[in-house]
Amino acid sequence: MRVVGIRGRDGRVDVGELSADGREVRVLAALDDFWADAAGHLGRANDDGPLVAVTRADLVPPVLPDARVICVGLNYLKHVAEGSFREQELPEYPTLFARWTRSLTVDGAEVPVPSGEDGLDWEGEIVAWVGAPLVDASPEQALAAVVGYSAFNDLTSRRAQKLTSQWILGKNGDRSGPLGPLVPAAEVGDLRDGLRVRTYVNGETVQDGSTAEMVYGVGDTLAHISRTLTLRPGDLLATGTPSGVGYARTPPWLLQPGDVVEVDVERVGSVRNTVVSNAARRTAAHG
């Protein structure tokens, strides 16, 4: 089962199931109704919802406007070792930063290189979707509240990221968070078993890691967050990237306009996007 969002001409977003051939979407519920009972909608068959052809649909992430997108930095040991943080001791708690929902986009979208950047860096990873409220949760309770996973590319503006100790600017470029369809957690299984996470640039493998290498697990991280803030249905946790990012290479390798980048996660699926120039960003802003 692959779940996506569909935006109508009136701006309303529905949530639907993508057909096996990717040509149609069967509407499951309105966005708010879906997240009011995500586990229920994912757990029962629905043959009654209207069918929408993908060619006529405006696909969007099935994300609530007020959802929190919390991201884990430095969650794979080899990634820590390859970057500018390799001289630091591994912290007891995960490094967390935030994305805004407006930075998210979908498979197939064009992603612009922001002004002043030499290119964009890829960070293939997996996102966990929270399906129930979490307050002071145990790791077991937190993991049980995860209703699904998606492939994700945390495309990063490295110059902006490194201007200060805070990463938010470099992590929130326009359309810089391509998100694949949601796949129910029951179909994915436990990430601790090790799912392969690969990233390709123009068909060449640039990242090849396993979720078994994660330092901070999904349940532990969500439980840690829930001690400070209440997690709500529809919130997302981006779990970090394996080694192989572009800025750490010699010489550095960053995505340029025309490059095609794809993240593929075992049992979860893929998200594939083309990088475009900053001119496309300016056109969209004034169009």
Protein backbone atom coordinates (compact mmCIF):
# COMPACT_ATOMS: atom_id res chain seq x y z
CA MET A 1 0.00 0.00 0.00
CA ARG A 2 1.34 3.43 -1.00
CA VAL A 3 -0.43 6.50 0.35
CA VAL A 4 -0.24 9.99 -1.17
CA GLY A 5 -1.98 13.34 -0.94
CA ILE A 6 -4.15 14.87 -3.70
CA ARG A 7 -4.95 18.59 -3.80
CA GLY A 8 -8.16 19.65 -5.50
CA ARG A 9 -8.87 22.89 -7.33
CA ASP A 10 -10.48 24.27 -4.17
CA GLY A 11 -7.23 23.69 -2.25
CA ARG A 12 -8.62 20.80 -0.22
CA VAL A 13 -6.25 17.88 0.27
CA ASP A 14 -7.46 14.29 0.29
CA VAL A 15 -5.43 11.19 1.11
CA GLY A 16 -5.50 8.24 -1.25
CA GLU A 17 -3.96 4.91 -2.11
CA LEU A 18 -1.76 4.77 -5.20
CA SER A 19 -2.58 1.87 -7.53
CA ALA A 20 -0.01 -0.85 -8.16
CA ASP A 21 0.79 0.55 -11.60
CA GLY A 22 1.01 4.11 -10.27
CA ARG A 23 -1.63 5.41 -12.68
CA GLU A 24 -4.55 6.02 -10.32
CA VAL A 25 -5.27 7.09 -6.76
CA ARG A 26 -8.19 5.72 -4.75
CA VAL A 27 -9.35 8.42 -2.31
CA LEU A 28 -9.44 7.19 1.30
CA ALA A 29 -10.41 10.28 3.29
CA ALA A 30 -9.97 14.01 3.65
CA LEU A 31 -6.59 14.93 5.13
CA ASP A 32 -7.89 15.81 8.61
CA ASP A 33 -10.12 12.72 8.72
CA PHE A 34 -7.26 10.47 7.67
CA TRP A 35 -4.98 11.63 10.49
CA ALA A 36 -7.83 11.41 13.00
CA ASP A 37 -7.63 7.63 12.49
CA ALA A 38 -4.59 6.87 10.35
CA ALA A 39 -4.17 3.33 11.64
CA GLY A 40 -7.80 2.57 10.88
CA HIS A 41 -7.64 3.90 7.33
CA LEU A 42 -4.43 1.97 6.65
CA GLY A 43 -5.78 -1.22 8.15
CA ARG A 44 -8.99 -1.63 6.19
CA ALA A 45 -9.74 -2.13 2.53
CA ASN A 46 -11.46 0.71 0.71
CA ASP A 47 -12.97 0.03 -2.69
CA ASP A 48 -15.63 2.73 -2.51
CA GLY A 49 -13.58 5.92 -2.74
CA PRO A 50 -13.43 7.78 -6.05
CA LEU A 51 -10.60 7.03 -8.47
CA VAL A 52 -8.43 9.88 -9.75
CA ALA A 53 -5.99 9.53 -12.64
CA VAL A 54 -2.47 10.54 -11.60
CA THR A 55 -2.09 12.50 -14.83
CA ARG A 56 -4.99 14.70 -13.71
CA ALA A 57 -4.03 14.88 -10.05
CA ASP A 58 -1.97 17.43 -8.14
CA LEU A 59 -0.01 15.10 -5.89
CA VAL A 60 1.22 16.60 -2.60
CA PRO A 61 2.62 15.13 0.61
CA PRO A 62 -0.24 13.92 2.86
CA VAL A 63 1.01 16.27 5.58
CA LEU A 64 -1.11 18.36 7.94
CA PRO A 65 -0.31 22.09 7.71
CA ASP A 66 0.56 22.22 11.42
CA ALA A 67 2.57 19.00 11.48
CA ARG A 68 6.09 19.08 12.93
CA VAL A 69 8.91 17.72 10.77
CA ILE A 70 11.71 16.82 13.18
CA CYS A 71 14.99 15.62 11.71
CA VAL A 72 17.87 13.67 13.23
CA GLY A 73 21.37 14.77 12.29
CA LEU A 74 24.45 12.54 12.47
CA ASN A 75 22.63 9.26 12.99
CA TYR A 76 24.96 6.90 11.10
CA LEU A 77 28.49 6.42 12.46
CA LYS A 78 30.14 6.39 9.03
CA HIS A 79 28.38 9.65 8.14
CA VAL A 80 29.68 11.27 11.33
CA ALA A 81 33.19 10.07 10.49
CA GLU A 82 33.16 11.51 6.95
CA GLY A 83 32.07 15.04 7.75
CA SER A 84 33.21 18.10 9.65
CA PHE A 85 31.97 16.61 12.96
CA ARG A 86 34.35 13.63 12.94
CA GLU A 87 36.58 15.12 15.65
CA GLN A 88 33.68 15.41 18.10
CA GLU A 89 32.50 12.74 20.50
CA LEU A 90 29.17 11.13 19.70
CA PRO A 91 26.58 12.91 21.87
CA GLU A 92 24.39 11.01 24.30
CA TYR A 93 21.27 12.45 22.71
CA PRO A 94 20.48 12.95 19.03
CA THR A 95 21.07 16.26 17.30
CA LEU A 96 17.64 17.48 16.20
CA PHE A 97 16.62 20.20 13.78
CA ALA A 98 13.34 21.23 12.18
CA ARG A 99 11.90 21.49 8.72
CA TRP A 100 8.76 23.36 7.86
CA THR A 101 6.05 21.54 5.96
CA ARG A 102 6.36 24.08 3.13
CA SER A 103 9.81 22.66 2.33
CA LEU A 104 8.33 19.25 1.52
CA THR A 105 7.48 18.05 -1.97
CA VAL A 106 6.83 14.80 -3.82
CA ASP A 107 8.36 12.33 -6.23
CA GLY A 108 8.95 13.91 -9.63
CA ALA A 109 9.06 17.52 -8.44
CA GLU A 110 11.83 19.84 -9.62
CA VAL A 111 14.08 21.15 -6.85
CA PRO A 112 15.83 24.53 -7.37
CA VAL A 113 19.36 25.40 -6.28
CA PRO A 114 19.10 28.48 -4.02
CA SER A 115 21.00 31.66 -4.76
CA GLY A 116 24.63 31.62 -3.68
CA GLU A 117 24.88 27.85 -3.42
CA ASP A 118 27.38 25.84 -5.47
CA GLY A 119 24.75 23.12 -5.72
CA LEU A 120 22.60 20.94 -3.49
CA ASP A 121 23.80 17.98 -1.42
CA TRP A 122 21.86 14.73 -1.26
CA GLU A 123 20.91 12.97 1.98
CA GLY A 124 18.89 9.83 1.39
CA GLU A 125 16.94 8.63 4.39
CA ILE A 126 13.70 7.24 5.77
CA VAL A 127 10.89 9.15 7.48
CA ALA A 128 8.65 7.75 10.22
CA TRP A 129 5.06 9.00 10.47
CA VAL A 130 3.51 9.35 13.93
CA GLY A 131 -0.07 8.08 14.13
CA ALA A 132 -1.04 8.63 17.78
CA PRO A 133 -0.38 11.27 20.48
CA LEU A 134 2.84 10.74 22.43
CA VAL A 135 3.49 12.31 25.84
CA ASP A 136 6.32 11.00 28.03
CA ALA A 137 6.22 7.80 26.00
CA SER A 138 8.47 4.80 26.45
CA PRO A 139 10.50 3.72 23.40
CA GLU A 140 8.15 0.77 22.96
CA GLN A 141 5.04 2.98 23.07
CA ALA A 142 6.62 5.45 20.67
CA LEU A 143 7.57 2.80 18.13
CA ALA A 144 4.06 1.30 18.33
CA ALA A 145 2.64 4.73 17.44
CA VAL A 146 4.47 4.82 14.10
CA VAL A 147 1.93 4.10 11.36
CA GLY A 148 4.14 4.29 8.30
CA TYR A 149 7.43 5.12 6.62
CA SER A 150 8.50 7.00 3.49
CA ALA A 151 11.66 7.43 1.47
CA PHE A 152 13.01 10.96 1.90
CA ASN A 153 15.74 13.17 0.48
CA ASP A 154 16.97 15.81 2.91
CA LEU A 155 18.44 17.99 0.15
CA THR A 156 20.74 20.47 1.81
CA SER A 157 22.08 23.95 1.01
CA ARG A 158 25.52 23.49 2.57
CA ARG A 159 26.63 27.12 2.41
CA ALA A 160 23.52 28.28 4.25
CA GLN A 161 23.76 25.37 6.68
CA LYS A 162 27.31 26.25 7.72
CA LEU A 163 26.87 30.01 8.13
CA THR A 164 25.97 29.45 11.80
CA SER A 165 25.67 26.64 14.32
CA GLN A 166 21.95 26.40 13.54
CA TRP A 167 21.07 24.25 10.52
CA ILE A 168 17.50 25.36 9.81
CA LEU A 169 18.23 27.74 6.93
CA GLY A 170 20.25 25.16 5.00
CA LYS A 171 17.57 22.53 5.54
CA ASN A 172 14.53 24.47 4.35
CA GLY A 173 15.19 25.47 0.76
CA ASP A 174 12.16 25.56 -1.53
CA ARG A 175 10.97 22.03 -2.37
CA SER A 176 14.16 20.63 -0.80
CA GLY A 177 12.41 17.81 1.06
CA PRO A 178 11.12 15.28 -1.51
CA LEU A 179 8.97 12.71 0.28
CA GLY A 180 7.86 9.38 -1.17
CA PRO A 181 4.49 7.72 -0.57
CA LEU A 182 3.66 6.52 2.94
CA VAL A 183 3.93 2.74 3.33
CA PRO A 184 2.20 1.18 6.39
CA ALA A 185 4.56 0.20 9.19
CA ALA A 186 3.18 -3.34 9.17
CA GLU A 187 4.50 -3.78 5.61
CA VAL A 188 7.92 -2.34 6.43
CA GLY A 189 8.76 -4.07 9.69
CA ASP A 190 11.41 -3.10 12.23
CA LEU A 191 14.14 -0.77 10.96
CA ARG A 192 16.53 -2.38 13.44
CA ASP A 193 16.50 -5.47 11.22
CA GLY A 194 18.34 -3.43 8.62
CA LEU A 195 16.73 -1.94 5.51
CA ARG A 196 18.99 -0.90 2.67
CA VAL A 197 19.06 2.85 1.96
CA ARG A 198 20.58 3.85 -1.38
CA THR A 199 20.94 7.15 -3.22
CA TYR A 200 21.69 7.50 -6.92
CA VAL A 201 22.82 10.55 -8.90
CA ASN A 202 22.26 10.20 -12.64
CA GLY A 203 22.14 6.44 -12.10
CA GLU A 204 25.40 6.24 -10.13
CA THR A 205 25.25 4.89 -6.57
CA VAL A 206 26.47 7.53 -4.11
CA GLN A 207 25.06 6.18 -0.83
CA ASP A 208 24.52 2.58 0.24
CA GLY A 209 23.75 2.04 3.91
CA SER A 210 21.52 0.08 6.27
CA THR A 211 19.07 1.27 8.90
CA ALA A 212 20.71 -1.24 11.23
CA GLU A 213 23.61 1.25 11.44
CA MET A 214 21.46 3.94 13.12
CA VAL A 215 22.84 5.26 16.38
CA TYR A 216 19.50 6.56 17.67
CA GLY A 217 16.51 4.34 16.95
CA VAL A 218 13.06 5.56 15.97
CA GLY A 219 11.39 4.51 19.23
CA ASP A 220 14.13 5.96 21.42
CA THR A 221 14.19 9.25 19.51
CA LEU A 222 10.42 9.76 19.52
CA ALA A 223 10.31 8.90 23.22
CA HIS A 224 13.06 11.44 23.90
CA ILE A 225 11.17 14.15 21.98
CA SER A 226 7.89 13.33 23.72
CA ARG A 227 9.38 14.23 27.11
CA THR A 228 9.53 17.86 26.00
CA LEU A 229 6.76 18.31 23.46
CA THR A 230 3.61 16.40 22.66
CA LEU A 231 3.85 14.56 19.36
CA ARG A 232 0.62 14.51 17.37
CA PRO A 233 -0.78 12.28 14.62
CA GLY A 234 0.75 13.40 11.34
CA ASP A 235 4.09 14.54 12.80
CA LEU A 236 7.17 13.23 10.99
CA LEU A 237 10.62 12.07 12.07
CA ALA A 238 13.39 12.10 9.45
CA THR A 239 15.89 9.57 10.74
CA GLY A 240 19.22 10.72 9.27
CA THR A 241 21.42 9.73 6.36
CA PRO A 242 24.18 7.16 5.77
CA SER A 243 27.68 8.07 4.60
CA GLY A 244 28.37 9.17 1.04
CA VAL A 245 27.15 12.77 1.01
CA GLY A 246 28.62 15.07 -1.59
CA TYR A 247 30.29 17.80 0.46
CA ALA A 248 32.55 15.29 2.25
CA ARG A 249 34.06 13.98 -0.99
CA THR A 250 37.40 15.02 -2.48
CA PRO A 251 36.71 17.08 -4.45
CA PRO A 252 33.20 17.95 -3.22
CA TRP A 253 30.37 16.81 -5.47
CA LEU A 254 27.11 18.74 -5.39
CA LEU A 255 23.96 18.43 -7.46
CA GLN A 256 23.70 20.79 -10.44
CA PRO A 257 20.74 21.81 -12.63
CA GLY A 258 19.82 18.85 -14.81
CA ASP A 259 21.01 16.20 -12.33
CA VAL A 260 18.54 13.48 -11.35
CA VAL A 261 18.73 12.20 -7.77
CA GLU A 262 16.86 9.18 -6.44
CA VAL A 263 16.55 7.71 -2.95
CA ASP A 264 15.50 4.07 -2.71
CA VAL A 265 14.67 2.37 0.59
CA GLU A 266 14.12 -1.37 0.82
CA ARG A 267 10.43 -2.28 1.43
CA VAL A 268 9.52 1.43 1.43
CA GLY A 269 10.02 2.61 -2.14
CA SER A 270 11.74 5.49 -3.80
CA VAL A 271 11.60 9.21 -4.50
CA ARG A 272 13.19 10.66 -7.66
CA ASN A 273 13.68 14.33 -8.48
CA THR A 274 15.43 16.62 -10.94
CA VAL A 275 17.51 19.60 -9.83
CA VAL A 276 16.85 22.89 -11.63
CA SER A 277 18.36 26.37 -11.57
CA ASN A 278 17.46 29.17 -9.20
CA ALA A 279 15.61 30.85 -12.10
CA ALA A 280 12.85 28.25 -11.70
CA ARG A 281 12.44 29.29 -8.08
CA ARG A 282 12.08 32.96 -8.96
CA THR A 283 9.58 32.13 -11.72
CA ALA A 284 7.45 30.07 -9.34
CA ALA A 285 7.47 32.84 -6.74
CA HIS A 286 6.17 35.44 -9.22
CA GLY A 287 4.03 33.20 -11.39
